[in-house]
Amino acid sequence: MTEENIVYIGNKPVMNYVLAVVTQMNSGVDEVMLKARGRAISRAVDVAEIVRNRFISDVDVSSIEISTEEIVGNEGTSSNVSAIEIKLNK
């Protein structure tokens, strides 16, 4: 898994990320990883489902990993943020 095969999910519209995944799959990549943290997790799940159900029917979710990341903010404060990695395979 190279850095090119990773799509980081943020605050853009869902279809932007769907287009990124579909473009990679159509260019010959067999595996794409979706990564998201915090509130973007639901958007990552939406992206995976839209790709599977509407665009590329032979894509499977091969693994889902969840974790908690510690984010250090201003003045040394830290908070925990949930994270998810969804691996899509052709």
C-alpha atoms as a PDB file:
ATOM      1  CA  MET A   1       0.000   0.000   0.000  1.00  0.00           C
ATOM      2  CA  THR A   2       1.639   3.203  -1.174  1.00  0.00           C
ATOM      3  CA  GLU A   3       0.760   6.764  -0.213  1.00  0.00           C
ATOM      4  CA  GLU A   4      -0.949   7.223  -3.608  1.00  0.00           C
ATOM      5  CA  ASN A   5      -3.517   4.553  -2.799  1.00  0.00           C
ATOM      6  CA  ILE A   6      -4.745   6.338   0.331  1.00  0.00           C
ATOM      7  CA  VAL A   7      -7.706   8.727   0.253  1.00  0.00           C
ATOM      8  CA  TYR A   8      -7.917  10.964   3.322  1.00  0.00           C
ATOM      9  CA  ILE A   9     -11.537  11.868   4.065  1.00  0.00           C
ATOM     10  CA  GLY A  10     -12.161  15.424   5.272  1.00  0.00           C
ATOM     11  CA  ASN A  11     -14.898  18.042   4.962  1.00  0.00           C
ATOM     12  CA  LYS A  12     -15.402  18.101   1.196  1.00  0.00           C
ATOM     13  CA  PRO A  13     -18.612  16.716  -0.348  1.00  0.00           C
ATOM     14  CA  VAL A  14     -18.866  12.923  -0.429  1.00  0.00           C
ATOM     15  CA  MET A  15     -18.840  12.763  -4.242  1.00  0.00           C
ATOM     16  CA  ASN A  16     -15.365  14.350  -4.376  1.00  0.00           C
ATOM     17  CA  TYR A  17     -13.968  11.357  -2.486  1.00  0.00           C
ATOM     18  CA  VAL A  18     -16.068   8.877  -4.484  1.00  0.00           C
ATOM     19  CA  LEU A  19     -14.607  10.345  -7.673  1.00  0.00           C
ATOM     20  CA  ALA A  20     -11.071  10.012  -6.260  1.00  0.00           C
ATOM     21  CA  VAL A  21     -11.611   6.323  -5.433  1.00  0.00           C
ATOM     22  CA  VAL A  22     -13.292   5.511  -8.769  1.00  0.00           C
ATOM     23  CA  THR A  23     -10.517   7.311 -10.683  1.00  0.00           C
ATOM     24  CA  GLN A  24      -7.841   5.283  -8.890  1.00  0.00           C
ATOM     25  CA  MET A  25      -9.665   1.984  -9.416  1.00  0.00           C
ATOM     26  CA  ASN A  26     -10.151   2.736 -13.125  1.00  0.00           C
ATOM     27  CA  SER A  27      -6.457   3.570 -13.553  1.00  0.00           C
ATOM     28  CA  GLY A  28      -5.517   0.008 -12.591  1.00  0.00           C
ATOM     29  CA  VAL A  29      -5.115   0.172  -8.804  1.00  0.00           C
ATOM     30  CA  ASP A  30      -6.586  -2.915  -7.104  1.00  0.00           C
ATOM     31  CA  GLU A  31      -6.585  -1.590  -3.541  1.00  0.00           C
ATOM     32  CA  VAL A  32      -7.573   1.787  -2.074  1.00  0.00           C
ATOM     33  CA  MET A  33      -7.501   2.758   1.609  1.00  0.00           C
ATOM     34  CA  LEU A  34      -9.953   5.297   3.021  1.00  0.00           C
ATOM     35  CA  LYS A  35      -8.737   7.058   6.178  1.00  0.00           C
ATOM     36  CA  ALA A  36     -10.848   9.346   8.345  1.00  0.00           C
ATOM     37  CA  ARG A  37     -10.901  10.790  11.856  1.00  0.00           C
ATOM     38  CA  GLY A  38     -13.633  12.153  14.073  1.00  0.00           C
ATOM     39  CA  ARG A  39     -16.761  13.425  12.367  1.00  0.00           C
ATOM     40  CA  ALA A  40     -15.436  12.437   8.935  1.00  0.00           C
ATOM     41  CA  ILE A  41     -15.832   8.739   9.815  1.00  0.00           C
ATOM     42  CA  SER A  42     -19.467   8.676   8.679  1.00  0.00           C
ATOM     43  CA  ARG A  43     -18.438  10.340   5.418  1.00  0.00           C
ATOM     44  CA  ALA A  44     -15.818   7.604   4.848  1.00  0.00           C
ATOM     45  CA  VAL A  45     -18.468   4.920   5.328  1.00  0.00           C
ATOM     46  CA  ASP A  46     -20.730   6.760   2.858  1.00  0.00           C
ATOM     47  CA  VAL A  47     -17.899   6.895   0.295  1.00  0.00           C
ATOM     48  CA  ALA A  48     -17.238   3.155   0.600  1.00  0.00           C
ATOM     49  CA  GLU A  49     -20.927   2.289   0.216  1.00  0.00           C
ATOM     50  CA  ILE A  50     -21.514   4.628  -2.741  1.00  0.00           C
ATOM     51  CA  VAL A  51     -18.473   3.230  -4.572  1.00  0.00           C
ATOM     52  CA  ARG A  52     -19.628  -0.366  -3.951  1.00  0.00           C
ATOM     53  CA  ASN A  53     -23.320   0.087  -4.716  1.00  0.00           C
ATOM     54  CA  ARG A  54     -23.434   2.712  -7.480  1.00  0.00           C
ATOM     55  CA  PHE A  55     -20.126   2.805  -9.343  1.00  0.00           C
ATOM     56  CA  ILE A  56     -17.981  -0.350  -9.171  1.00  0.00           C
ATOM     57  CA  SER A  57     -19.988  -3.431  -8.228  1.00  0.00           C
ATOM     58  CA  ASP A  58     -16.999  -5.806  -7.896  1.00  0.00           C
ATOM     59  CA  VAL A  59     -15.354  -3.802  -5.088  1.00  0.00           C
ATOM     60  CA  ASP A  60     -15.287  -5.434  -1.655  1.00  0.00           C
ATOM     61  CA  VAL A  61     -14.436  -4.087   1.775  1.00  0.00           C
ATOM     62  CA  SER A  62     -11.481  -6.304   2.692  1.00  0.00           C
ATOM     63  CA  SER A  63     -10.810  -4.835   6.143  1.00  0.00           C
ATOM     64  CA  ILE A  64     -11.942  -2.155   8.563  1.00  0.00           C
ATOM     65  CA  GLU A  65      -9.686  -1.004  11.372  1.00  0.00           C
ATOM     66  CA  ILE A  66     -10.674   1.389  14.124  1.00  0.00           C
ATOM     67  CA  SER A  67      -8.415   3.176  16.578  1.00  0.00           C
ATOM     68  CA  THR A  68      -8.081   6.185  18.839  1.00  0.00           C
ATOM     69  CA  GLU A  69      -5.476   8.843  18.141  1.00  0.00           C
ATOM     70  CA  GLU A  70      -4.265  11.371  20.674  1.00  0.00           C
ATOM     71  CA  ILE A  71      -4.211  14.902  19.272  1.00  0.00           C
ATOM     72  CA  VAL A  72      -1.987  17.442  21.058  1.00  0.00           C
ATOM     73  CA  GLY A  73      -3.434  20.922  20.756  1.00  0.00           C
ATOM     74  CA  ASN A  74      -2.403  24.387  21.858  1.00  0.00           C
ATOM     75  CA  GLU A  75      -0.833  24.870  25.276  1.00  0.00           C
ATOM     76  CA  GLY A  76      -0.059  21.164  25.637  1.00  0.00           C
ATOM     77  CA  THR A  77      -3.671  20.034  25.894  1.00  0.00           C
ATOM     78  CA  SER A  78      -4.506  16.680  24.365  1.00  0.00           C
ATOM     79  CA  SER A  79      -7.732  15.008  23.286  1.00  0.00           C
ATOM     80  CA  ASN A  80      -8.616  11.627  21.874  1.00  0.00           C
ATOM     81  CA  VAL A  81     -10.084  11.321  18.375  1.00  0.00           C
ATOM     82  CA  SER A  82     -11.546   8.172  16.846  1.00  0.00           C
ATOM     83  CA  ALA A  83     -10.071   7.031  13.532  1.00  0.00           C
ATOM     84  CA  ILE A  84     -11.049   4.467  10.900  1.00  0.00           C
ATOM     85  CA  GLU A  85      -9.297   2.818   7.956  1.00  0.00           C
ATOM     86  CA  ILE A  86     -11.445   1.099   5.330  1.00  0.00           C
ATOM     87  CA  LYS A  87      -9.610  -1.003   2.730  1.00  0.00           C
ATOM     88  CA  LEU A  88     -11.411  -1.468  -0.602  1.00  0.00           C
ATOM     89  CA  ASN A  89     -10.289  -4.252  -2.965  1.00  0.00           C
ATOM     90  CA  LYS A  90     -11.263  -4.963  -6.546  1.00  0.00           C
END
